[in-house]
Amino acid sequence: MYRSCWVESNGELRRVDEGFHPRQIKKPVHVGYAGLGCVTLPSALREGRLLGDKVGILEVLDVYSTIEVKDALSLNMASKLFPEWWEAHRAHAWARLGGGDTGGAYGDAS
């Protein structure tokens, strides 16, 4: 990712990318999606860590893989992006968000 990236700490923002430079000379900032996939060693887990000392990155180029459904608004967006999946999983997805088992207004949204 070649976007501007910031980290907030103690009420102050600190830039973590290289600033405003052409993409051709910038180094990308990698964002982890731990829920998407992670391979780790048992020794790291025994030490109470998810990652060991050596970390590798597999770039995910499929933008749909990073969609996170966490509330009614994002569920509505995902239902429009993936209508076939939505029809097959509507009740389960809506129930997980506390909307009952019918999908409610968002389940029937077009």
PDB file of N, CA and C in Angstrom:
ATOM      1  N   MET A   1       0.851  -1.157   0.000  1.00  0.00           N
ATOM      2  CA  MET A   1       0.000   0.000   0.000  1.00  0.00           C
ATOM      3  C   MET A   1       0.906   1.233   0.000  1.00  0.00           C
ATOM      4  N   TYR A   2       0.571   2.171  -0.822  1.00  0.00           N
ATOM      5  CA  TYR A   2       1.388   3.379  -0.948  1.00  0.00           C
ATOM      6  C   TYR A   2       0.631   4.610  -0.470  1.00  0.00           C
ATOM      7  N   ARG A   3      -0.230   4.469   0.474  1.00  0.00           N
ATOM      8  CA  ARG A   3      -1.005   5.599   0.987  1.00  0.00           C
ATOM      9  C   ARG A   3      -0.283   6.240   2.159  1.00  0.00           C
ATOM     10  N   SER A   4      -0.768   7.398   2.555  1.00  0.00           N
ATOM     11  CA  SER A   4      -0.245   8.045   3.752  1.00  0.00           C
ATOM     12  C   SER A   4      -0.727   7.264   4.965  1.00  0.00           C
ATOM     13  N   CYS A   5       0.184   6.937   5.870  1.00  0.00           N
ATOM     14  CA  CYS A   5      -0.161   6.137   7.044  1.00  0.00           C
ATOM     15  C   CYS A   5       0.342   6.824   8.298  1.00  0.00           C
ATOM     16  N   TRP A   6      -0.524   6.857   9.307  1.00  0.00           N
ATOM     17  CA  TRP A   6      -0.235   7.538  10.559  1.00  0.00           C
ATOM     18  C   TRP A   6      -0.565   6.630  11.732  1.00  0.00           C
ATOM     19  N   VAL A   7       0.123   6.818  12.846  1.00  0.00           N
ATOM     20  CA  VAL A   7      -0.156   6.121  14.098  1.00  0.00           C
ATOM     21  C   VAL A   7      -0.377   7.183  15.163  1.00  0.00           C
ATOM     22  N   GLU A   8      -1.453   7.011  15.944  1.00  0.00           N
ATOM     23  CA  GLU A   8      -1.724   7.965  17.014  1.00  0.00           C
ATOM     24  C   GLU A   8      -1.232   7.394  18.333  1.00  0.00           C
ATOM     25  N   SER A   9      -0.515   8.216  19.087  1.00  0.00           N
ATOM     26  CA  SER A   9      -0.016   7.818  20.393  1.00  0.00           C
ATOM     27  C   SER A   9      -0.011   9.042  21.296  1.00  0.00           C
ATOM     28  N   ASN A  10      -0.625   8.901  22.445  1.00  0.00           N
ATOM     29  CA  ASN A  10      -0.692   9.996  23.426  1.00  0.00           C
ATOM     30  C   ASN A  10      -1.237  11.279  22.814  1.00  0.00           C
ATOM     31  N   GLY A  11      -2.246  11.145  21.952  1.00  0.00           N
ATOM     32  CA  GLY A  11      -2.895  12.302  21.363  1.00  0.00           C
ATOM     33  C   GLY A  11      -2.126  12.958  20.225  1.00  0.00           C
ATOM     34  N   GLU A  12      -1.008  12.369  19.821  1.00  0.00           N
ATOM     35  CA  GLU A  12      -0.211  12.929  18.728  1.00  0.00           C
ATOM     36  C   GLU A  12      -0.133  11.930  17.588  1.00  0.00           C
ATOM     37  N   LEU A  13      -0.095  12.458  16.365  1.00  0.00           N
ATOM     38  CA  LEU A  13       0.023  11.613  15.175  1.00  0.00           C
ATOM     39  C   LEU A  13       1.480  11.562  14.723  1.00  0.00           C
ATOM     40  N   ARG A  14       1.919  10.345  14.370  1.00  0.00           N
ATOM     41  CA  ARG A  14       3.271  10.151  13.856  1.00  0.00           C
ATOM     42  C   ARG A  14       3.162   9.438  12.518  1.00  0.00           C
ATOM     43  N   ARG A  15       3.775   9.984  11.509  1.00  0.00           N
ATOM     44  CA  ARG A  15       3.711   9.398  10.175  1.00  0.00           C
ATOM     45  C   ARG A  15       4.637   8.181  10.106  1.00  0.00           C
ATOM     46  N   VAL A  16       4.130   7.073   9.536  1.00  0.00           N
ATOM     47  CA  VAL A  16       4.932   5.858   9.455  1.00  0.00           C
ATOM     48  C   VAL A  16       5.334   5.508   8.022  1.00  0.00           C
ATOM     49  N   ASP A  17       4.796   6.221   7.047  1.00  0.00           N
ATOM     50  CA  ASP A  17       5.246   6.000   5.668  1.00  0.00           C
ATOM     51  C   ASP A  17       6.359   7.008   5.363  1.00  0.00           C
ATOM     52  N   GLU A  18       6.839   6.993   4.128  1.00  0.00           N
ATOM     53  CA  GLU A  18       7.971   7.833   3.755  1.00  0.00           C
ATOM     54  C   GLU A  18       7.595   9.250   3.348  1.00  0.00           C
ATOM     55  N   GLY A  19       6.320   9.586   3.392  1.00  0.00           N
ATOM     56  CA  GLY A  19       5.913  10.931   3.024  1.00  0.00           C
ATOM     57  C   GLY A  19       5.455  11.006   1.584  1.00  0.00           C
ATOM     58  N   PHE A  20       5.337  12.221   1.100  1.00  0.00           N
ATOM     59  CA  PHE A  20       4.831  12.440  -0.256  1.00  0.00           C
ATOM     60  C   PHE A  20       5.961  12.311  -1.274  1.00  0.00           C
ATOM     61  N   HIS A  21       6.095  11.116  -1.817  1.00  0.00           N
ATOM     62  CA  HIS A  21       7.078  10.829  -2.856  1.00  0.00           C
ATOM     63  C   HIS A  21       6.386  10.008  -3.938  1.00  0.00           C
ATOM     64  N   PRO A  22       6.919  10.005  -5.149  1.00  0.00           N
ATOM     65  CA  PRO A  22       6.324   9.167  -6.195  1.00  0.00           C
ATOM     66  C   PRO A  22       6.353   7.688  -5.796  1.00  0.00           C
ATOM     67  N   ARG A  23       5.321   6.952  -6.172  1.00  0.00           N
ATOM     68  CA  ARG A  23       5.236   5.530  -5.830  1.00  0.00           C
ATOM     69  C   ARG A  23       6.435   4.733  -6.330  1.00  0.00           C
ATOM     70  N   GLN A  24       7.025   5.176  -7.404  1.00  0.00           N
ATOM     71  CA  GLN A  24       8.143   4.444  -7.987  1.00  0.00           C
ATOM     72  C   GLN A  24       9.347   4.375  -7.040  1.00  0.00           C
ATOM     73  N   ILE A  25       9.466   5.344  -6.133  1.00  0.00           N
ATOM     74  CA  ILE A  25      10.616   5.345  -5.224  1.00  0.00           C
ATOM     75  C   ILE A  25      10.232   5.071  -3.769  1.00  0.00           C
ATOM     76  N   LYS A  26       8.929   5.008  -3.468  1.00  0.00           N
ATOM     77  CA  LYS A  26       8.479   4.739  -2.103  1.00  0.00           C
ATOM     78  C   LYS A  26       8.530   3.251  -1.799  1.00  0.00           C
ATOM     79  N   LYS A  27       8.742   2.930  -0.549  1.00  0.00           N
ATOM     80  CA  LYS A  27       8.616   1.556  -0.083  1.00  0.00           C
ATOM     81  C   LYS A  27       7.182   1.396   0.427  1.00  0.00           C
ATOM     82  N   PRO A  28       6.526   0.297   0.108  1.00  0.00           N
ATOM     83  CA  PRO A  28       5.134   0.137   0.545  1.00  0.00           C
ATOM     84  C   PRO A  28       5.025  -0.088   2.057  1.00  0.00           C
ATOM     85  N   VAL A  29       3.890   0.305   2.617  1.00  0.00           N
ATOM     86  CA  VAL A  29       3.554   0.015   4.002  1.00  0.00           C
ATOM     87  C   VAL A  29       2.653  -1.209   3.973  1.00  0.00           C
ATOM     88  N   HIS A  30       2.994  -2.227   4.743  1.00  0.00           N
ATOM     89  CA  HIS A  30       2.212  -3.467   4.758  1.00  0.00           C
ATOM     90  C   HIS A  30       1.274  -3.458   5.954  1.00  0.00           C
ATOM     91  N   VAL A  31       0.019  -3.789   5.706  1.00  0.00           N
ATOM     92  CA  VAL A  31      -1.004  -3.844   6.753  1.00  0.00           C
ATOM     93  C   VAL A  31      -1.402  -5.302   6.921  1.00  0.00           C
ATOM     94  N   GLY A  32      -1.387  -5.787   8.148  1.00  0.00           N
ATOM     95  CA  GLY A  32      -1.716  -7.182   8.406  1.00  0.00           C
ATOM     96  C   GLY A  32      -3.202  -7.388   8.633  1.00  0.00           C
ATOM     97  N   TYR A  33      -3.715  -8.479   8.107  1.00  0.00           N
ATOM     98  CA  TYR A  33      -5.093  -8.906   8.332  1.00  0.00           C
ATOM     99  C   TYR A  33      -5.022 -10.272   8.998  1.00  0.00           C
ATOM    100  N   ALA A  34      -4.808 -10.296  10.308  1.00  0.00           N
ATOM    101  CA  ALA A  34      -4.577 -11.552  11.023  1.00  0.00           C
ATOM    102  C   ALA A  34      -5.734 -12.532  10.865  1.00  0.00           C
ATOM    103  N   GLY A  35      -6.942 -12.042  10.724  1.00  0.00           N
ATOM    104  CA  GLY A  35      -8.085 -12.928  10.553  1.00  0.00           C
ATOM    105  C   GLY A  35      -8.135 -13.573   9.183  1.00  0.00           C
ATOM    106  N   LEU A  36      -7.392 -13.055   8.239  1.00  0.00           N
ATOM    107  CA  LEU A  36      -7.374 -13.593   6.889  1.00  0.00           C
ATOM    108  C   LEU A  36      -6.489 -14.823   6.797  1.00  0.00           C
ATOM    109  N   GLY A  37      -5.422 -14.847   7.540  1.00  0.00           N
ATOM    110  CA  GLY A  37      -4.545 -16.012   7.554  1.00  0.00           C
ATOM    111  C   GLY A  37      -3.240 -15.697   8.247  1.00  0.00           C
ATOM    112  N   CYS A  38      -2.705 -16.687   8.930  1.00  0.00           N
ATOM    113  CA  CYS A  38      -1.445 -16.522   9.627  1.00  0.00           C
ATOM    114  C   CYS A  38      -0.833 -17.904   9.823  1.00  0.00           C
ATOM    115  N   VAL A  39       0.425 -18.034   9.506  1.00  0.00           N
ATOM    116  CA  VAL A  39       1.156 -19.270   9.752  1.00  0.00           C
ATOM    117  C   VAL A  39       2.198 -18.955  10.808  1.00  0.00           C
ATOM    118  N   THR A  40       2.224 -19.749  11.854  1.00  0.00           N
ATOM    119  CA  THR A  40       3.161 -19.478  12.933  1.00  0.00           C
ATOM    120  C   THR A  40       3.752 -20.783  13.445  1.00  0.00           C
ATOM    121  N   LEU A  41       4.795 -20.677  14.225  1.00  0.00           N
ATOM    122  CA  LEU A  41       5.454 -21.844  14.804  1.00  0.00           C
ATOM    123  C   LEU A  41       4.886 -22.139  16.183  1.00  0.00           C
ATOM    124  N   PRO A  42       4.774 -23.407  16.543  1.00  0.00           N
ATOM    125  CA  PRO A  42       4.299 -23.757  17.891  1.00  0.00           C
ATOM    126  C   PRO A  42       5.160 -23.129  18.988  1.00  0.00           C
ATOM    127  N   SER A  43       6.452 -22.993  18.760  1.00  0.00           N
ATOM    128  CA  SER A  43       7.323 -22.403  19.784  1.00  0.00           C
ATOM    129  C   SER A  43       6.934 -20.953  20.082  1.00  0.00           C
ATOM    130  N   ALA A  44       6.517 -20.205  19.071  1.00  0.00           N
ATOM    131  CA  ALA A  44       6.074 -18.818  19.300  1.00  0.00           C
ATOM    132  C   ALA A  44       4.804 -18.816  20.144  1.00  0.00           C
ATOM    133  N   LEU A  45       3.876 -19.722  19.844  1.00  0.00           N
ATOM    134  CA  LEU A  45       2.637 -19.790  20.622  1.00  0.00           C
ATOM    135  C   LEU A  45       2.914 -20.179  22.071  1.00  0.00           C
ATOM    136  N   ARG A  46       3.844 -21.118  22.287  1.00  0.00           N
ATOM    137  CA  ARG A  46       4.194 -21.518  23.659  1.00  0.00           C
ATOM    138  C   ARG A  46       4.771 -20.352  24.445  1.00  0.00           C
ATOM    139  N   GLU A  47       5.410 -19.424  23.742  1.00  0.00           N
ATOM    140  CA  GLU A  47       5.964 -18.232  24.385  1.00  0.00           C
ATOM    141  C   GLU A  47       4.924 -17.120  24.529  1.00  0.00           C
ATOM    142  N   GLY A  48       3.683 -17.393  24.100  1.00  0.00           N
ATOM    143  CA  GLY A  48       2.616 -16.405  24.222  1.00  0.00           C
ATOM    144  C   GLY A  48       2.618 -15.376  23.107  1.00  0.00           C
ATOM    145  N   ARG A  49       3.265 -15.697  21.982  1.00  0.00           N
ATOM    146  CA  ARG A  49       3.336 -14.767  20.865  1.00  0.00           C
ATOM    147  C   ARG A  49       2.644 -15.379  19.657  1.00  0.00           C
ATOM    148  N   LEU A  50       2.014 -14.548  18.845  1.00  0.00           N
ATOM    149  CA  LEU A  50       1.414 -15.015  17.599  1.00  0.00           C
ATOM    150  C   LEU A  50       2.475 -15.166  16.519  1.00  0.00           C
ATOM    151  N   LEU A  51       3.441 -14.241  16.504  1.00  0.00           N
ATOM    152  CA  LEU A  51       4.498 -14.254  15.498  1.00  0.00           C
ATOM    153  C   LEU A  51       5.841 -14.533  16.134  1.00  0.00           C
ATOM    154  N   GLY A  52       6.701 -15.202  15.392  1.00  0.00           N
ATOM    155  CA  GLY A  52       8.063 -15.443  15.844  1.00  0.00           C
ATOM    156  C   GLY A  52       8.962 -14.282  15.469  1.00  0.00           C
ATOM    157  N   ASP A  53      10.274 -14.533  15.507  1.00  0.00           N
ATOM    158  CA  ASP A  53      11.233 -13.473  15.205  1.00  0.00           C
ATOM    159  C   ASP A  53      11.362 -13.204  13.713  1.00  0.00           C
ATOM    160  N   LYS A  54      11.093 -14.211  12.889  1.00  0.00           N
ATOM    161  CA  LYS A  54      11.152 -14.034  11.436  1.00  0.00           C
ATOM    162  C   LYS A  54       9.731 -13.932  10.902  1.00  0.00           C
ATOM    163  N   VAL A  55       9.433 -12.843  10.201  1.00  0.00           N
ATOM    164  CA  VAL A  55       8.094 -12.618   9.657  1.00  0.00           C
ATOM    165  C   VAL A  55       8.196 -12.476   8.150  1.00  0.00           C
ATOM    166  N   GLY A  56       7.361 -13.188   7.439  1.00  0.00           N
ATOM    167  CA  GLY A  56       7.260 -13.052   5.999  1.00  0.00           C
ATOM    168  C   GLY A  56       5.886 -12.515   5.644  1.00  0.00           C
ATOM    169  N   ILE A  57       5.768 -11.954   4.469  1.00  0.00           N
ATOM    170  CA  ILE A  57       4.504 -11.343   4.054  1.00  0.00           C
ATOM    171  C   ILE A  57       4.091 -11.902   2.707  1.00  0.00           C
ATOM    172  N   LEU A  58       2.839 -12.271   2.610  1.00  0.00           N
ATOM    173  CA  LEU A  58       2.238 -12.659   1.342  1.00  0.00           C
ATOM    174  C   LEU A  58       1.259 -11.556   0.977  1.00  0.00           C
ATOM    175  N   GLU A  59       1.521 -10.860  -0.094  1.00  0.00           N
ATOM    176  CA  GLU A  59       0.662  -9.744  -0.491  1.00  0.00           C
ATOM    177  C   GLU A  59      -0.651 -10.281  -1.042  1.00  0.00           C
ATOM    178  N   VAL A  60      -1.762  -9.802  -0.509  1.00  0.00           N
ATOM    179  CA  VAL A  60      -3.092 -10.184  -0.968  1.00  0.00           C
ATOM    180  C   VAL A  60      -3.555  -9.122  -1.955  1.00  0.00           C
ATOM    181  N   LEU A  61      -3.725  -9.529  -3.191  1.00  0.00           N
ATOM    182  CA  LEU A  61      -4.098  -8.578  -4.234  1.00  0.00           C
ATOM    183  C   LEU A  61      -5.602  -8.506  -4.457  1.00  0.00           C
ATOM    184  N   ASP A  62      -6.350  -9.439  -3.903  1.00  0.00           N
ATOM    185  CA  ASP A  62      -7.800  -9.460  -4.049  1.00  0.00           C
ATOM    186  C   ASP A  62      -8.410  -8.499  -3.029  1.00  0.00           C
ATOM    187  N   VAL A  63      -8.893  -7.349  -3.484  1.00  0.00           N
ATOM    188  CA  VAL A  63      -9.417  -6.333  -2.566  1.00  0.00           C
ATOM    189  C   VAL A  63     -10.632  -6.820  -1.786  1.00  0.00           C
ATOM    190  N   TYR A  64     -11.372  -7.775  -2.322  1.00  0.00           N
ATOM    191  CA  TYR A  64     -12.541  -8.287  -1.619  1.00  0.00           C
ATOM    192  C   TYR A  64     -12.148  -9.078  -0.369  1.00  0.00           C
ATOM    193  N   SER A  65     -10.938  -9.587  -0.317  1.00  0.00           N
ATOM    194  CA  SER A  65     -10.488 -10.377   0.830  1.00  0.00           C
ATOM    195  C   SER A  65     -10.376  -9.555   2.102  1.00  0.00           C
ATOM    196  N   THR A  66     -10.255  -8.254   1.972  1.00  0.00           N
ATOM    197  CA  THR A  66     -10.062  -7.412   3.150  1.00  0.00           C
ATOM    198  C   THR A  66     -11.356  -6.774   3.660  1.00  0.00           C
ATOM    199  N   ILE A  67     -12.476  -7.115   3.054  1.00  0.00           N
ATOM    200  CA  ILE A  67     -13.752  -6.555   3.510  1.00  0.00           C
ATOM    201  C   ILE A  67     -14.115  -7.170   4.853  1.00  0.00           C
ATOM    202  N   GLU A  68     -14.389  -6.335   5.819  1.00  0.00           N
ATOM    203  CA  GLU A  68     -14.751  -6.789   7.160  1.00  0.00           C
ATOM    204  C   GLU A  68     -16.202  -6.406   7.434  1.00  0.00           C
ATOM    205  N   VAL A  69     -17.010  -7.402   7.760  1.00  0.00           N
ATOM    206  CA  VAL A  69     -18.408  -7.155   8.096  1.00  0.00           C
ATOM    207  C   VAL A  69     -18.509  -7.128   9.612  1.00  0.00           C
ATOM    208  N   LYS A  70     -18.778  -5.933  10.153  1.00  0.00           N
ATOM    209  CA  LYS A  70     -18.799  -5.789  11.605  1.00  0.00           C
ATOM    210  C   LYS A  70     -20.026  -5.054  12.124  1.00  0.00           C
ATOM    211  N   ASP A  71     -20.847  -4.507  11.227  1.00  0.00           N
ATOM    212  CA  ASP A  71     -22.047  -3.808  11.656  1.00  0.00           C
ATOM    213  C   ASP A  71     -23.059  -3.831  10.504  1.00  0.00           C
ATOM    214  N   ALA A  72     -24.225  -3.267  10.736  1.00  0.00           N
ATOM    215  CA  ALA A  72     -25.293  -3.310   9.733  1.00  0.00           C
ATOM    216  C   ALA A  72     -24.901  -2.586   8.444  1.00  0.00           C
ATOM    217  N   LEU A  73     -24.164  -1.488   8.553  1.00  0.00           N
ATOM    218  CA  LEU A  73     -23.766  -0.747   7.356  1.00  0.00           C
ATOM    219  C   LEU A  73     -22.815  -1.567   6.477  1.00  0.00           C
ATOM    220  N   SER A  74     -21.801  -2.169   7.081  1.00  0.00           N
ATOM    221  CA  SER A  74     -20.865  -2.975   6.291  1.00  0.00           C
ATOM    222  C   SER A  74     -21.518  -4.258   5.797  1.00  0.00           C
ATOM    223  N   LEU A  75     -22.485  -4.790   6.542  1.00  0.00           N
ATOM    224  CA  LEU A  75     -23.237  -5.959   6.085  1.00  0.00           C
ATOM    225  C   LEU A  75     -24.069  -5.608   4.858  1.00  0.00           C
ATOM    226  N   ASN A  76     -24.674  -4.444   4.860  1.00  0.00           N
ATOM    227  CA  ASN A  76     -25.457  -3.990   3.718  1.00  0.00           C
ATOM    228  C   ASN A  76     -24.563  -3.821   2.488  1.00  0.00           C
ATOM    229  N   MET A  77     -23.377  -3.242   2.668  1.00  0.00           N
ATOM    230  CA  MET A  77     -22.448  -3.076   1.553  1.00  0.00           C
ATOM    231  C   MET A  77     -22.018  -4.435   1.000  1.00  0.00           C
ATOM    232  N   ALA A  78     -21.665  -5.362   1.878  1.00  0.00           N
ATOM    233  CA  ALA A  78     -21.225  -6.686   1.434  1.00  0.00           C
ATOM    234  C   ALA A  78     -22.346  -7.429   0.721  1.00  0.00           C
ATOM    235  N   SER A  79     -23.577  -7.248   1.164  1.00  0.00           N
ATOM    236  CA  SER A  79     -24.698  -7.929   0.514  1.00  0.00           C
ATOM    237  C   SER A  79     -24.885  -7.441  -0.920  1.00  0.00           C
ATOM    238  N   LYS A  80     -24.520  -6.190  -1.175  1.00  0.00           N
ATOM    239  CA  LYS A  80     -24.623  -5.658  -2.539  1.00  0.00           C
ATOM    240  C   LYS A  80     -23.445  -6.106  -3.403  1.00  0.00           C
ATOM    241  N   LEU A  81     -22.277  -6.272  -2.796  1.00  0.00           N
ATOM    242  CA  LEU A  81     -21.101  -6.716  -3.540  1.00  0.00           C
ATOM    243  C   LEU A  81     -21.168  -8.204  -3.886  1.00  0.00           C
ATOM    244  N   PHE A  82     -21.779  -8.988  -3.000  1.00  0.00           N
ATOM    245  CA  PHE A  82     -21.813 -10.442  -3.167  1.00  0.00           C
ATOM    246  C   PHE A  82     -23.243 -10.956  -3.065  1.00  0.00           C
ATOM    247  N   PRO A  83     -24.115 -10.647  -4.016  1.00  0.00           N
ATOM    248  CA  PRO A  83     -25.527 -11.011  -3.880  1.00  0.00           C
ATOM    249  C   PRO A  83     -25.774 -12.518  -3.793  1.00  0.00           C
ATOM    250  N   GLU A  84     -25.010 -13.342  -4.514  1.00  0.00           N
ATOM    251  CA  GLU A  84     -25.235 -14.795  -4.444  1.00  0.00           C
ATOM    252  C   GLU A  84     -24.876 -15.338  -3.067  1.00  0.00           C
ATOM    253  N   TRP A  85     -23.738 -14.892  -2.530  1.00  0.00           N
ATOM    254  CA  TRP A  85     -23.344 -15.331  -1.195  1.00  0.00           C
ATOM    255  C   TRP A  85     -24.382 -14.866  -0.174  1.00  0.00           C
ATOM    256  N   TRP A  86     -24.831 -13.632  -0.332  1.00  0.00           N
ATOM    257  CA  TRP A  86     -25.780 -13.063   0.613  1.00  0.00           C
ATOM    258  C   TRP A  86     -27.059 -13.889   0.675  1.00  0.00           C
ATOM    259  N   GLU A  87     -27.582 -14.270  -0.474  1.00  0.00           N
ATOM    260  CA  GLU A  87     -28.816 -15.063  -0.485  1.00  0.00           C
ATOM    261  C   GLU A  87     -28.628 -16.388   0.230  1.00  0.00           C
ATOM    262  N   ALA A  88     -27.458 -16.995   0.099  1.00  0.00           N
ATOM    263  CA  ALA A  88     -27.206 -18.290   0.728  1.00  0.00           C
ATOM    264  C   ALA A  88     -26.927 -18.172   2.228  1.00  0.00           C
ATOM    265  N   HIS A  89     -26.451 -17.018   2.705  1.00  0.00           N
ATOM    266  CA  HIS A  89     -26.013 -16.881   4.093  1.00  0.00           C
ATOM    267  C   HIS A  89     -26.696 -15.758   4.857  1.00  0.00           C
ATOM    268  N   ARG A  90     -27.745 -15.194   4.336  1.00  0.00           N
ATOM    269  CA  ARG A  90     -28.397 -14.025   4.921  1.00  0.00           C
ATOM    270  C   ARG A  90     -28.751 -14.198   6.399  1.00  0.00           C
ATOM    271  N   ALA A  91     -29.465 -15.240   6.742  1.00  0.00           N
ATOM    272  CA  ALA A  91     -29.942 -15.411   8.124  1.00  0.00           C
ATOM    273  C   ALA A  91     -28.784 -15.543   9.098  1.00  0.00           C
ATOM    274  N   HIS A  92     -27.792 -16.341   8.740  1.00  0.00           N
ATOM    275  CA  HIS A  92     -26.648 -16.539   9.636  1.00  0.00           C
ATOM    276  C   HIS A  92     -25.883 -15.235   9.849  1.00  0.00           C
ATOM    277  N   ALA A  93     -25.584 -14.519   8.779  1.00  0.00           N
ATOM    278  CA  ALA A  93     -24.813 -13.278   8.893  1.00  0.00           C
ATOM    279  C   ALA A  93     -25.567 -12.239   9.711  1.00  0.00           C
ATOM    280  N   TRP A  94     -26.844 -12.110   9.468  1.00  0.00           N
ATOM    281  CA  TRP A  94     -27.629 -11.106  10.190  1.00  0.00           C
ATOM    282  C   TRP A  94     -27.745 -11.472  11.670  1.00  0.00           C
ATOM    283  N   ALA A  95     -27.928 -12.751  11.973  1.00  0.00           N
ATOM    284  CA  ALA A  95     -28.051 -13.187  13.363  1.00  0.00           C
ATOM    285  C   ALA A  95     -26.760 -12.916  14.135  1.00  0.00           C
ATOM    286  N   ARG A  96     -25.611 -13.075  13.485  1.00  0.00           N
ATOM    287  CA  ARG A  96     -24.330 -12.814  14.156  1.00  0.00           C
ATOM    288  C   ARG A  96     -24.185 -11.362  14.548  1.00  0.00           C
ATOM    289  N   LEU A  97     -24.867 -10.462  13.839  1.00  0.00           N
ATOM    290  CA  LEU A  97     -24.821  -9.036  14.164  1.00  0.00           C
ATOM    291  C   LEU A  97     -25.952  -8.627  15.097  1.00  0.00           C
ATOM    292  N   GLY A  98     -26.700  -9.596  15.594  1.00  0.00           N
ATOM    293  CA  GLY A  98     -27.755  -9.309  16.542  1.00  0.00           C
ATOM    294  C   GLY A  98     -29.043  -8.825  15.920  1.00  0.00           C
ATOM    295  N   GLY A  99     -29.236  -9.062  14.622  1.00  0.00           N
ATOM    296  CA  GLY A  99     -30.427  -8.584  13.940  1.00  0.00           C
ATOM    297  C   GLY A  99     -31.534  -9.614  13.833  1.00  0.00           C
ATOM    298  N   GLY A 100     -31.468 -10.681  14.612  1.00  0.00           N
ATOM    299  CA  GLY A 100     -32.484 -11.725  14.490  1.00  0.00           C
ATOM    300  C   GLY A 100     -32.102 -12.703  13.406  1.00  0.00           C
ATOM    301  N   ASP A 101     -33.065 -13.494  12.950  1.00  0.00           N
ATOM    302  CA  ASP A 101     -32.714 -14.521  11.972  1.00  0.00           C
ATOM    303  C   ASP A 101     -33.321 -14.285  10.598  1.00  0.00           C
ATOM    304  N   THR A 102     -33.967 -13.147  10.364  1.00  0.00           N
ATOM    305  CA  THR A 102     -34.615 -12.940   9.071  1.00  0.00           C
ATOM    306  C   THR A 102     -33.859 -11.985   8.165  1.00  0.00           C
ATOM    307  N   GLY A 103     -32.924 -11.246   8.705  1.00  0.00           N
ATOM    308  CA  GLY A 103     -32.218 -10.289   7.876  1.00  0.00           C
ATOM    309  C   GLY A 103     -32.786  -8.885   8.013  1.00  0.00           C
ATOM    310  N   GLY A 104     -33.969  -8.750   8.518  1.00  0.00           N
ATOM    311  CA  GLY A 104     -34.555  -7.433   8.766  1.00  0.00           C
ATOM    312  C   GLY A 104     -34.527  -6.536   7.546  1.00  0.00           C
ATOM    313  N   ALA A 105     -34.487  -5.251   7.776  1.00  0.00           N
ATOM    314  CA  ALA A 105     -34.498  -4.278   6.682  1.00  0.00           C
ATOM    315  C   ALA A 105     -33.272  -4.408   5.795  1.00  0.00           C
ATOM    316  N   TYR A 106     -32.116  -4.665   6.411  1.00  0.00           N
ATOM    317  CA  TYR A 106     -30.902  -4.775   5.616  1.00  0.00           C
ATOM    318  C   TYR A 106     -30.899  -6.054   4.809  1.00  0.00           C
ATOM    319  N   GLY A 107     -31.476  -7.121   5.339  1.00  0.00           N
ATOM    320  CA  GLY A 107     -31.517  -8.380   4.607  1.00  0.00           C
ATOM    321  C   GLY A 107     -32.341  -8.284   3.347  1.00  0.00           C
ATOM    322  N   ASP A 108     -33.341  -7.392   3.342  1.00  0.00           N
ATOM    323  CA  ASP A 108     -34.204  -7.264   2.179  1.00  0.00           C
ATOM    324  C   ASP A 108     -33.821  -6.074   1.317  1.00  0.00           C
ATOM    325  N   ALA A 109     -32.727  -5.381   1.678  1.00  0.00           N
ATOM    326  CA  ALA A 109     -32.322  -4.187   0.929  1.00  0.00           C
ATOM    327  C   ALA A 109     -31.876  -4.577  -0.479  1.00  0.00           C
ATOM    328  N   SER A 110     -32.143  -3.697  -1.411  1.00  0.00           N
ATOM    329  CA  SER A 110     -31.696  -3.971  -2.784  1.00  0.00           C
ATOM    330  C   SER A 110     -30.606  -3.006  -3.164  1.00  0.00           C
TER     331      SER A 110
END
